[in-house]
Amino acid sequence: MGLLEDLADKLAEDTLDAMEATGSDRLYIDVGKVLGTSSPTMQETFLTSIRIRLAERRGRRYLETTVAALKAGAPPPEAPRDPGN
């Protein structure tokens, strides 16, 4: 990664950690606004990193829940529908 991506990704990681520690699930929006006042490029890179990390967490939670259900002999949870369908 380049400097921009490295900085944005580290800030995204730290922001998500702060969100977990404080329970403020929208903190990343405010951080993004602050970034946007001085660097729209940094803002977009940061928000992309946030979106990727949040999506990975949702996918991982679904996988863990599904595996646990199957191991327990229960039906797996239904996957969310594709928004395009």
PDB file of N, CA and C in Angstrom:
ATOM      1  N   MET A   1       0.846  -1.192   0.000  1.00  0.00           N
ATOM      2  CA  MET A   1       0.000   0.000   0.000  1.00  0.00           C
ATOM      3  C   MET A   1       0.879   1.240   0.000  1.00  0.00           C
ATOM      4  N   GLY A   2       0.313   2.327  -0.481  1.00  0.00           N
ATOM      5  CA  GLY A   2       0.998   3.596  -0.440  1.00  0.00           C
ATOM      6  C   GLY A   2       0.713   4.309   0.864  1.00  0.00           C
ATOM      7  N   LEU A   3       1.324   5.455   1.024  1.00  0.00           N
ATOM      8  CA  LEU A   3       1.181   6.235   2.251  1.00  0.00           C
ATOM      9  C   LEU A   3      -0.282   6.557   2.548  1.00  0.00           C
ATOM     10  N   LEU A   4      -1.031   7.011   1.546  1.00  0.00           N
ATOM     11  CA  LEU A   4      -2.446   7.349   1.743  1.00  0.00           C
ATOM     12  C   LEU A   4      -3.228   6.156   2.273  1.00  0.00           C
ATOM     13  N   GLU A   5      -3.091   5.020   1.629  1.00  0.00           N
ATOM     14  CA  GLU A   5      -3.829   3.834   2.039  1.00  0.00           C
ATOM     15  C   GLU A   5      -3.405   3.362   3.423  1.00  0.00           C
ATOM     16  N   ASP A   6      -2.099   3.404   3.691  1.00  0.00           N
ATOM     17  CA  ASP A   6      -1.605   2.993   5.015  1.00  0.00           C
ATOM     18  C   ASP A   6      -2.181   3.864   6.121  1.00  0.00           C
ATOM     19  N   LEU A   7      -2.135   5.185   5.921  1.00  0.00           N
ATOM     20  CA  LEU A   7      -2.650   6.100   6.944  1.00  0.00           C
ATOM     21  C   LEU A   7      -4.157   5.945   7.132  1.00  0.00           C
ATOM     22  N   ALA A   8      -4.879   5.873   6.023  1.00  0.00           N
ATOM     23  CA  ALA A   8      -6.337   5.740   6.099  1.00  0.00           C
ATOM     24  C   ALA A   8      -6.739   4.426   6.752  1.00  0.00           C
ATOM     25  N   ASP A   9      -6.033   3.349   6.423  1.00  0.00           N
ATOM     26  CA  ASP A   9      -6.369   2.048   6.987  1.00  0.00           C
ATOM     27  C   ASP A   9      -6.079   2.009   8.485  1.00  0.00           C
ATOM     28  N   LYS A  10      -4.973   2.586   8.903  1.00  0.00           N
ATOM     29  CA  LYS A  10      -4.643   2.626  10.336  1.00  0.00           C
ATOM     30  C   LYS A  10      -5.676   3.463  11.085  1.00  0.00           C
ATOM     31  N   LEU A  11      -6.063   4.600  10.516  1.00  0.00           N
ATOM     32  CA  LEU A  11      -7.084   5.432  11.148  1.00  0.00           C
ATOM     33  C   LEU A  11      -8.418   4.690  11.216  1.00  0.00           C
ATOM     34  N   ALA A  12      -8.755   3.953  10.180  1.00  0.00           N
ATOM     35  CA  ALA A  12      -9.994   3.172  10.183  1.00  0.00           C
ATOM     36  C   ALA A  12      -9.947   2.116  11.284  1.00  0.00           C
ATOM     37  N   GLU A  13      -8.843   1.428  11.392  1.00  0.00           N
ATOM     38  CA  GLU A  13      -8.687   0.410  12.438  1.00  0.00           C
ATOM     39  C   GLU A  13      -8.832   1.037  13.828  1.00  0.00           C
ATOM     40  N   ASP A  14      -8.162   2.158  14.048  1.00  0.00           N
ATOM     41  CA  ASP A  14      -8.239   2.835  15.346  1.00  0.00           C
ATOM     42  C   ASP A  14      -9.645   3.356  15.626  1.00  0.00           C
ATOM     43  N   THR A  15     -10.314   3.833  14.587  1.00  0.00           N
ATOM     44  CA  THR A  15     -11.682   4.346  14.748  1.00  0.00           C
ATOM     45  C   THR A  15     -12.639   3.213  15.120  1.00  0.00           C
ATOM     46  N   LEU A  16     -12.503   2.074  14.458  1.00  0.00           N
ATOM     47  CA  LEU A  16     -13.363   0.937  14.788  1.00  0.00           C
ATOM     48  C   LEU A  16     -13.102   0.444  16.209  1.00  0.00           C
ATOM     49  N   ASP A  17     -11.848   0.451  16.629  1.00  0.00           N
ATOM     50  CA  ASP A  17     -11.532   0.087  18.014  1.00  0.00           C
ATOM     51  C   ASP A  17     -12.195   1.064  18.990  1.00  0.00           C
ATOM     52  N   ALA A  18     -12.140   2.361  18.670  1.00  0.00           N
ATOM     53  CA  ALA A  18     -12.772   3.372  19.526  1.00  0.00           C
ATOM     54  C   ALA A  18     -14.284   3.202  19.538  1.00  0.00           C
ATOM     55  N   MET A  19     -14.857   2.836  18.405  1.00  0.00           N
ATOM     56  CA  MET A  19     -16.304   2.613  18.339  1.00  0.00           C
ATOM     57  C   MET A  19     -16.706   1.463  19.244  1.00  0.00           C
ATOM     58  N   GLU A  20     -15.923   0.395  19.243  1.00  0.00           N
ATOM     59  CA  GLU A  20     -16.219  -0.740  20.120  1.00  0.00           C
ATOM     60  C   GLU A  20     -16.066  -0.354  21.587  1.00  0.00           C
ATOM     61  N   ALA A  21     -15.016   0.414  21.893  1.00  0.00           N
ATOM     62  CA  ALA A  21     -14.742   0.781  23.285  1.00  0.00           C
ATOM     63  C   ALA A  21     -15.782   1.743  23.845  1.00  0.00           C
ATOM     64  N   THR A  22     -16.335   2.601  22.983  1.00  0.00           N
ATOM     65  CA  THR A  22     -17.260   3.631  23.455  1.00  0.00           C
ATOM     66  C   THR A  22     -18.723   3.327  23.166  1.00  0.00           C
ATOM     67  N   GLY A  23     -18.974   2.383  22.263  1.00  0.00           N
ATOM     68  CA  GLY A  23     -20.349   2.091  21.872  1.00  0.00           C
ATOM     69  C   GLY A  23     -20.910   3.099  20.881  1.00  0.00           C
ATOM     70  N   SER A  24     -20.074   3.977  20.378  1.00  0.00           N
ATOM     71  CA  SER A  24     -20.501   4.990  19.411  1.00  0.00           C
ATOM     72  C   SER A  24     -20.378   4.419  18.002  1.00  0.00           C
ATOM     73  N   ASP A  25     -21.474   3.836  17.494  1.00  0.00           N
ATOM     74  CA  ASP A  25     -21.401   3.134  16.214  1.00  0.00           C
ATOM     75  C   ASP A  25     -21.374   4.048  14.993  1.00  0.00           C
ATOM     76  N   ARG A  26     -21.474   5.345  15.185  1.00  0.00           N
ATOM     77  CA  ARG A  26     -21.443   6.295  14.066  1.00  0.00           C
ATOM     78  C   ARG A  26     -20.216   7.202  14.114  1.00  0.00           C
ATOM     79  N   LEU A  27     -19.272   6.904  14.988  1.00  0.00           N
ATOM     80  CA  LEU A  27     -18.076   7.734  15.127  1.00  0.00           C
ATOM     81  C   LEU A  27     -17.334   7.881  13.806  1.00  0.00           C
ATOM     82  N   TYR A  28     -17.315   6.829  13.014  1.00  0.00           N
ATOM     83  CA  TYR A  28     -16.583   6.890  11.746  1.00  0.00           C
ATOM     84  C   TYR A  28     -17.122   7.971  10.815  1.00  0.00           C
ATOM     85  N   ILE A  29     -18.400   8.280  10.920  1.00  0.00           N
ATOM     86  CA  ILE A  29     -18.988   9.330  10.081  1.00  0.00           C
ATOM     87  C   ILE A  29     -18.385  10.682  10.438  1.00  0.00           C
ATOM     88  N   ASP A  30     -18.262  10.952  11.740  1.00  0.00           N
ATOM     89  CA  ASP A  30     -17.677  12.224  12.178  1.00  0.00           C
ATOM     90  C   ASP A  30     -16.203  12.313  11.808  1.00  0.00           C
ATOM     91  N   VAL A  31     -15.476  11.222  11.964  1.00  0.00           N
ATOM     92  CA  VAL A  31     -14.066  11.220  11.576  1.00  0.00           C
ATOM     93  C   VAL A  31     -13.960  11.482  10.076  1.00  0.00           C
ATOM     94  N   GLY A  32     -14.829  10.866   9.300  1.00  0.00           N
ATOM     95  CA  GLY A  32     -14.837  11.102   7.859  1.00  0.00           C
ATOM     96  C   GLY A  32     -15.111  12.550   7.509  1.00  0.00           C
ATOM     97  N   LYS A  33     -16.020  13.195   8.237  1.00  0.00           N
ATOM     98  CA  LYS A  33     -16.314  14.606   7.994  1.00  0.00           C
ATOM     99  C   LYS A  33     -15.098  15.476   8.276  1.00  0.00           C
ATOM    100  N   VAL A  34     -14.395  15.169   9.366  1.00  0.00           N
ATOM    101  CA  VAL A  34     -13.187  15.926   9.700  1.00  0.00           C
ATOM    102  C   VAL A  34     -12.160  15.771   8.587  1.00  0.00           C
ATOM    103  N   LEU A  35     -11.981  14.556   8.099  1.00  0.00           N
ATOM    104  CA  LEU A  35     -11.023  14.330   7.013  1.00  0.00           C
ATOM    105  C   LEU A  35     -11.427  15.087   5.752  1.00  0.00           C
ATOM    106  N   GLY A  36     -12.715  15.111   5.472  1.00  0.00           N
ATOM    107  CA  GLY A  36     -13.201  15.751   4.260  1.00  0.00           C
ATOM    108  C   GLY A  36     -12.952  17.240   4.202  1.00  0.00           C
ATOM    109  N   THR A  37     -12.798  17.875   5.366  1.00  0.00           N
ATOM    110  CA  THR A  37     -12.549  19.317   5.365  1.00  0.00           C
ATOM    111  C   THR A  37     -11.154  19.664   4.872  1.00  0.00           C
ATOM    112  N   SER A  38     -10.232  18.698   4.941  1.00  0.00           N
ATOM    113  CA  SER A  38      -8.876  19.002   4.492  1.00  0.00           C
ATOM    114  C   SER A  38      -8.405  18.109   3.350  1.00  0.00           C
ATOM    115  N   SER A  39      -8.990  16.925   3.207  1.00  0.00           N
ATOM    116  CA  SER A  39      -8.559  16.021   2.135  1.00  0.00           C
ATOM    117  C   SER A  39      -9.682  15.069   1.746  1.00  0.00           C
ATOM    118  N   PRO A  40     -10.453  15.424   0.726  1.00  0.00           N
ATOM    119  CA  PRO A  40     -11.494  14.513   0.256  1.00  0.00           C
ATOM    120  C   PRO A  40     -10.927  13.154  -0.186  1.00  0.00           C
ATOM    121  N   THR A  41      -9.709  13.133  -0.672  1.00  0.00           N
ATOM    122  CA  THR A  41      -9.102  11.872  -1.081  1.00  0.00           C
ATOM    123  C   THR A  41      -8.867  10.979   0.130  1.00  0.00           C
ATOM    124  N   MET A  42      -8.356  11.559   1.205  1.00  0.00           N
ATOM    125  CA  MET A  42      -8.142  10.803   2.440  1.00  0.00           C
ATOM    126  C   MET A  42      -9.484  10.342   3.001  1.00  0.00           C
ATOM    127  N   GLN A  43     -10.484  11.210   2.938  1.00  0.00           N
ATOM    128  CA  GLN A  43     -11.809  10.864   3.433  1.00  0.00           C
ATOM    129  C   GLN A  43     -12.352   9.630   2.711  1.00  0.00           C
ATOM    130  N   GLU A  44     -12.287   9.617   1.396  1.00  0.00           N
ATOM    131  CA  GLU A  44     -12.832   8.491   0.627  1.00  0.00           C
ATOM    132  C   GLU A  44     -12.046   7.210   0.887  1.00  0.00           C
ATOM    133  N   THR A  45     -10.738   7.321   0.996  1.00  0.00           N
ATOM    134  CA  THR A  45      -9.915   6.141   1.272  1.00  0.00           C
ATOM    135  C   THR A  45     -10.230   5.588   2.662  1.00  0.00           C
ATOM    136  N   PHE A  46     -10.390   6.470   3.638  1.00  0.00           N
ATOM    137  CA  PHE A  46     -10.760   6.077   5.007  1.00  0.00           C
ATOM    138  C   PHE A  46     -12.119   5.388   5.012  1.00  0.00           C
ATOM    139  N   LEU A  47     -13.111   5.998   4.360  1.00  0.00           N
ATOM    140  CA  LEU A  47     -14.454   5.416   4.350  1.00  0.00           C
ATOM    141  C   LEU A  47     -14.482   4.072   3.620  1.00  0.00           C
ATOM    142  N   THR A  48     -13.677   3.927   2.584  1.00  0.00           N
ATOM    143  CA  THR A  48     -13.581   2.637   1.904  1.00  0.00           C
ATOM    144  C   THR A  48     -13.031   1.585   2.854  1.00  0.00           C
ATOM    145  N   SER A  49     -11.997   1.929   3.594  1.00  0.00           N
ATOM    146  CA  SER A  49     -11.421   0.990   4.556  1.00  0.00           C
ATOM    147  C   SER A  49     -12.434   0.623   5.634  1.00  0.00           C
ATOM    148  N   ILE A  50     -13.197   1.602   6.103  1.00  0.00           N
ATOM    149  CA  ILE A  50     -14.242   1.340   7.105  1.00  0.00           C
ATOM    150  C   ILE A  50     -15.271   0.373   6.542  1.00  0.00           C
ATOM    151  N   ARG A  51     -15.753   0.650   5.339  1.00  0.00           N
ATOM    152  CA  ARG A  51     -16.785  -0.205   4.726  1.00  0.00           C
ATOM    153  C   ARG A  51     -16.286  -1.633   4.553  1.00  0.00           C
ATOM    154  N   ILE A  52     -15.050  -1.777   4.099  1.00  0.00           N
ATOM    155  CA  ILE A  52     -14.481  -3.115   3.910  1.00  0.00           C
ATOM    156  C   ILE A  52     -14.400  -3.850   5.236  1.00  0.00           C
ATOM    157  N   ARG A  53     -13.916  -3.179   6.270  1.00  0.00           N
ATOM    158  CA  ARG A  53     -13.764  -3.813   7.581  1.00  0.00           C
ATOM    159  C   ARG A  53     -15.128  -4.168   8.193  1.00  0.00           C
ATOM    160  N   LEU A  54     -16.111  -3.271   8.054  1.00  0.00           N
ATOM    161  CA  LEU A  54     -17.448  -3.571   8.587  1.00  0.00           C
ATOM    162  C   LEU A  54     -18.086  -4.743   7.846  1.00  0.00           C
ATOM    163  N   ALA A  55     -17.914  -4.779   6.532  1.00  0.00           N
ATOM    164  CA  ALA A  55     -18.464  -5.886   5.746  1.00  0.00           C
ATOM    165  C   ALA A  55     -17.810  -7.207   6.155  1.00  0.00           C
ATOM    166  N   GLU A  56     -16.504  -7.189   6.359  1.00  0.00           N
ATOM    167  CA  GLU A  56     -15.806  -8.404   6.775  1.00  0.00           C
ATOM    168  C   GLU A  56     -16.318  -8.884   8.120  1.00  0.00           C
ATOM    169  N   ARG A  57     -16.559  -7.965   9.034  1.00  0.00           N
ATOM    170  CA  ARG A  57     -17.075  -8.339  10.360  1.00  0.00           C
ATOM    171  C   ARG A  57     -18.457  -8.969  10.257  1.00  0.00           C
ATOM    172  N   ARG A  58     -19.319  -8.383   9.425  1.00  0.00           N
ATOM    173  CA  ARG A  58     -20.661  -8.954   9.245  1.00  0.00           C
ATOM    174  C   ARG A  58     -20.580 -10.340   8.631  1.00  0.00           C
ATOM    175  N   GLY A  59     -19.723 -10.482   7.630  1.00  0.00           N
ATOM    176  CA  GLY A  59     -19.560 -11.789   6.998  1.00  0.00           C
ATOM    177  C   GLY A  59     -19.014 -12.823   7.974  1.00  0.00           C
ATOM    178  N   ARG A  60     -18.068 -12.433   8.784  1.00  0.00           N
ATOM    179  CA  ARG A  60     -17.480 -13.347   9.758  1.00  0.00           C
ATOM    180  C   ARG A  60     -18.507 -13.760  10.807  1.00  0.00           C
ATOM    181  N   ARG A  61     -19.312 -12.798  11.286  1.00  0.00           N
ATOM    182  CA  ARG A  61     -20.367 -13.120  12.261  1.00  0.00           C
ATOM    183  C   ARG A  61     -21.357 -14.115  11.675  1.00  0.00           C
ATOM    184  N   TYR A  62     -21.734 -13.891  10.416  1.00  0.00           N
ATOM    185  CA  TYR A  62     -22.664 -14.811   9.772  1.00  0.00           C
ATOM    186  C   TYR A  62     -22.041 -16.204   9.658  1.00  0.00           C
ATOM    187  N   LEU A  63     -20.792 -16.266   9.245  1.00  0.00           N
ATOM    188  CA  LEU A  63     -20.110 -17.554   9.124  1.00  0.00           C
ATOM    189  C   LEU A  63     -20.050 -18.268  10.471  1.00  0.00           C
ATOM    190  N   GLU A  64     -19.670 -17.563  11.517  1.00  0.00           N
ATOM    191  CA  GLU A  64     -19.569 -18.179  12.844  1.00  0.00           C
ATOM    192  C   GLU A  64     -20.926 -18.664  13.342  1.00  0.00           C
ATOM    193  N   THR A  65     -21.959 -17.865  13.122  1.00  0.00           N
ATOM    194  CA  THR A  65     -23.311 -18.245  13.534  1.00  0.00           C
ATOM    195  C   THR A  65     -23.792 -19.466  12.759  1.00  0.00           C
ATOM    196  N   THR A  66     -23.509 -19.487  11.462  1.00  0.00           N
ATOM    197  CA  THR A  66     -23.920 -20.609  10.620  1.00  0.00           C
ATOM    198  C   THR A  66     -23.217 -21.901  11.034  1.00  0.00           C
ATOM    199  N   VAL A  67     -21.915 -21.828  11.242  1.00  0.00           N
ATOM    200  CA  VAL A  67     -21.154 -23.014  11.640  1.00  0.00           C
ATOM    201  C   VAL A  67     -21.642 -23.516  12.994  1.00  0.00           C
ATOM    202  N   ALA A  68     -21.873 -22.613  13.939  1.00  0.00           N
ATOM    203  CA  ALA A  68     -22.352 -23.023  15.265  1.00  0.00           C
ATOM    204  C   ALA A  68     -23.712 -23.697  15.164  1.00  0.00           C
ATOM    205  N   ALA A  69     -24.601 -23.153  14.351  1.00  0.00           N
ATOM    206  CA  ALA A  69     -25.929 -23.741  14.188  1.00  0.00           C
ATOM    207  C   ALA A  69     -25.831 -25.136  13.575  1.00  0.00           C
ATOM    208  N   LEU A  70     -25.028 -25.264  12.544  1.00  0.00           N
ATOM    209  CA  LEU A  70     -24.891 -26.565  11.886  1.00  0.00           C
ATOM    210  C   LEU A  70     -24.276 -27.601  12.824  1.00  0.00           C
ATOM    211  N   LYS A  71     -23.300 -27.213  13.608  1.00  0.00           N
ATOM    212  CA  LYS A  71     -22.696 -28.138  14.571  1.00  0.00           C
ATOM    213  C   LYS A  71     -23.691 -28.570  15.637  1.00  0.00           C
ATOM    214  N   ALA A  72     -24.623 -27.676  15.976  1.00  0.00           N
ATOM    215  CA  ALA A  72     -25.633 -27.983  16.988  1.00  0.00           C
ATOM    216  C   ALA A  72     -26.830 -28.711  16.399  1.00  0.00           C
ATOM    217  N   GLY A  73     -26.810 -28.939  15.095  1.00  0.00           N
ATOM    218  CA  GLY A  73     -27.918 -29.637  14.447  1.00  0.00           C
ATOM    219  C   GLY A  73     -29.109 -28.734  14.183  1.00  0.00           C
ATOM    220  N   ALA A  74     -28.922 -27.449  14.282  1.00  0.00           N
ATOM    221  CA  ALA A  74     -30.000 -26.484  14.035  1.00  0.00           C
ATOM    222  C   ALA A  74     -29.899 -25.975  12.597  1.00  0.00           C
ATOM    223  N   PRO A  75     -30.999 -25.453  12.095  1.00  0.00           N
ATOM    224  CA  PRO A  75     -30.919 -24.893  10.743  1.00  0.00           C
ATOM    225  C   PRO A  75     -30.067 -23.617  10.756  1.00  0.00           C
ATOM    226  N   PRO A  76     -29.307 -23.410   9.711  1.00  0.00           N
ATOM    227  CA  PRO A  76     -28.484 -22.200   9.665  1.00  0.00           C
ATOM    228  C   PRO A  76     -29.352 -20.965   9.459  1.00  0.00           C
ATOM    229  N   PRO A  77     -28.861 -19.811   9.862  1.00  0.00           N
ATOM    230  CA  PRO A  77     -29.631 -18.590   9.624  1.00  0.00           C
ATOM    231  C   PRO A  77     -29.719 -18.306   8.123  1.00  0.00           C
ATOM    232  N   GLU A  78     -30.767 -17.658   7.741  1.00  0.00           N
ATOM    233  CA  GLU A  78     -30.924 -17.309   6.335  1.00  0.00           C
ATOM    234  C   GLU A  78     -29.995 -16.154   5.999  1.00  0.00           C
ATOM    235  N   ALA A  79     -29.325 -16.275   4.871  1.00  0.00           N
ATOM    236  CA  ALA A  79     -28.450 -15.202   4.412  1.00  0.00           C
ATOM    237  C   ALA A  79     -29.298 -14.023   3.937  1.00  0.00           C
ATOM    238  N   PRO A  80     -28.808 -12.809   4.132  1.00  0.00           N
ATOM    239  CA  PRO A  80     -29.564 -11.660   3.636  1.00  0.00           C
ATOM    240  C   PRO A  80     -29.727 -11.744   2.123  1.00  0.00           C
ATOM    241  N   ARG A  81     -30.798 -11.198   1.647  1.00  0.00           N
ATOM    242  CA  ARG A  81     -31.050 -11.204   0.215  1.00  0.00           C
ATOM    243  C   ARG A  81     -30.161 -10.196  -0.463  1.00  0.00           C
ATOM    244  N   ASP A  82     -29.810 -10.488  -1.687  1.00  0.00           N
ATOM    245  CA  ASP A  82     -29.024  -9.570  -2.511  1.00  0.00           C
ATOM    246  C   ASP A  82     -29.892  -8.350  -2.780  1.00  0.00           C
ATOM    247  N   PRO A  83     -29.406  -7.136  -2.459  1.00  0.00           N
ATOM    248  CA  PRO A  83     -30.236  -5.937  -2.656  1.00  0.00           C
ATOM    249  C   PRO A  83     -30.632  -5.716  -4.100  1.00  0.00           C
ATOM    250  N   GLY A  84     -29.907  -6.307  -5.029  1.00  0.00           N
ATOM    251  CA  GLY A  84     -30.239  -6.145  -6.438  1.00  0.00           C
ATOM    252  C   GLY A  84     -31.339  -7.066  -6.915  1.00  0.00           C
ATOM    253  N   ASN A  85     -31.757  -7.997  -6.057  1.00  0.00           N
ATOM    254  CA  ASN A  85     -32.794  -8.963  -6.465  1.00  0.00           C
ATOM    255  C   ASN A  85     -34.045  -8.811  -5.678  1.00  0.00           C
TER     256      ASN A  85
END
